[in-house]
């Protein structure tokens, strides 16, 4: 399945908006509950994915404008894909752990 570039750009923008939303972000609320190190690590990982996406977009735009190199574009896209796959795997593991905790008898 191939997504248009605008869909990827929109996804990166939405992720960045969630990180920078006004008020008290959800990541800080987790930190207030004593999970500061994990929340900080998670926030940095998400920001890394967003930054990687921005680099990919910039390299693609350079290529479109005739100023970029195809190798740089492919490398940037591959790095972004790897970062996204890692974040999806972490998300899946967190959800799995949560579901397992919810099944525990009290």
Protein backbone atom coordinates (compact mmCIF):
# COMPACT_ATOMS: atom_id res chain seq x y z
CA UNK A 1 0.00 0.00 0.00
CA UNK A 2 1.49 3.34 -1.06
CA UNK A 3 0.37 6.51 0.70
CA UNK A 4 0.63 9.90 -0.97
CA UNK A 5 3.32 12.28 0.30
CA UNK A 6 0.63 14.63 1.59
CA UNK A 7 -0.74 11.89 3.87
CA UNK A 8 2.71 11.31 5.36
CA UNK A 9 3.24 15.03 5.81
CA UNK A 10 -0.12 15.31 7.51
CA UNK A 11 0.73 12.44 9.86
CA UNK A 12 4.02 14.07 10.85
CA UNK A 13 2.28 17.39 11.44
CA UNK A 14 -0.36 15.72 13.62
CA UNK A 15 2.30 13.95 15.68
CA UNK A 16 4.20 17.20 16.15
CA UNK A 17 0.98 18.99 17.13
CA UNK A 18 0.26 16.36 19.78
CA UNK A 19 3.72 16.85 21.22
CA UNK A 20 3.42 20.62 21.26
CA UNK A 21 -0.24 20.98 22.22
CA UNK A 22 -1.21 23.75 24.61
CA UNK A 23 -1.85 23.20 28.27
CA UNK A 24 -0.37 20.19 29.96
CA UNK A 25 0.61 17.44 27.49
CA UNK A 26 -0.29 13.84 28.28
CA UNK A 27 3.42 12.96 28.46
CA UNK A 28 3.87 15.34 31.40
CA UNK A 29 0.79 13.92 33.10
CA UNK A 30 2.44 10.49 33.04
CA UNK A 31 5.61 12.04 34.45
CA UNK A 32 3.58 13.48 37.35
CA UNK A 33 2.50 9.95 38.25
CA UNK A 34 6.10 8.89 38.81
CA UNK A 35 6.84 7.55 35.35
CA UNK A 36 9.06 10.47 34.37
CA UNK A 37 11.93 8.54 32.86
CA UNK A 38 9.73 6.37 30.66
CA UNK A 39 7.56 9.31 29.65
CA UNK A 40 10.62 11.37 28.79
CA UNK A 41 12.10 8.52 26.75
CA UNK A 42 8.80 7.99 24.95
CA UNK A 43 8.46 11.70 24.19
CA UNK A 44 11.99 11.86 22.84
CA UNK A 45 11.37 8.80 20.67
CA UNK A 46 8.21 10.30 19.19
CA UNK A 47 10.02 13.58 18.58
CA UNK A 48 12.79 11.64 16.85
CA UNK A 49 10.27 10.06 14.49
CA UNK A 50 8.77 13.47 13.75
CA UNK A 51 12.23 14.94 13.10
CA UNK A 52 13.13 12.01 10.86
CA UNK A 53 9.93 12.59 8.88
CA UNK A 54 10.76 16.26 8.47
CA UNK A 55 14.22 15.38 7.16
CA UNK A 56 12.66 12.93 4.67
CA UNK A 57 10.23 15.58 3.50
CA UNK A 58 13.01 18.13 3.11
CA UNK A 59 15.16 15.69 1.09
CA UNK A 60 12.19 14.80 -1.12
CA UNK A 61 11.45 18.47 -1.78
CA UNK A 62 15.10 19.07 -2.62
CA UNK A 63 14.90 16.22 -5.11
CA UNK A 64 11.71 17.61 -6.65
CA UNK A 65 13.39 21.02 -7.02
CA UNK A 66 16.40 19.40 -8.73
CA UNK A 67 18.80 20.18 -5.88
CA UNK A 68 18.86 16.84 -4.10
CA UNK A 69 20.44 13.47 -4.59
CA UNK A 70 18.36 10.31 -4.99
CA UNK A 71 20.59 8.41 -2.55
CA UNK A 72 19.95 11.02 0.16
CA UNK A 73 16.20 10.80 -0.43
CA UNK A 74 16.14 7.00 -0.26
CA UNK A 75 18.33 6.98 2.85
CA UNK A 76 16.16 9.55 4.64
CA UNK A 77 12.97 7.68 3.74
CA UNK A 78 14.48 4.38 4.92
CA UNK A 79 15.48 5.94 8.25
CA UNK A 80 11.98 7.33 8.71
CA UNK A 81 10.43 3.97 7.84
CA UNK A 82 12.66 2.23 10.38
CA UNK A 83 11.78 4.79 13.06
CA UNK A 84 8.05 4.43 12.35
CA UNK A 85 8.25 0.62 12.45
CA UNK A 86 10.08 0.80 15.77
CA UNK A 87 7.44 3.12 17.23
CA UNK A 88 4.64 0.84 16.02
CA UNK A 89 6.36 -2.17 17.62
CA UNK A 90 6.75 -0.31 20.92
CA UNK A 91 3.12 0.78 20.79
CA UNK A 92 1.99 -2.79 20.17
CA UNK A 93 4.07 -4.07 23.10
CA UNK A 94 2.69 -1.39 25.43
CA UNK A 95 -0.87 -2.25 24.43
CA UNK A 96 -0.18 -5.94 24.91
CA UNK A 97 1.28 -5.31 28.37
CA UNK A 98 -1.71 -3.16 29.32
CA UNK A 99 -4.16 -5.84 28.19
CA UNK A 100 -2.26 -8.46 30.16
CA UNK A 101 -2.34 -6.29 33.29
CA UNK A 102 -6.09 -5.76 32.86
CA UNK A 103 -6.63 -9.53 32.75
CA UNK A 104 -4.89 -10.04 36.12
CA UNK A 105 -7.19 -10.91 38.98
CA UNK A 106 -7.33 -8.40 41.79
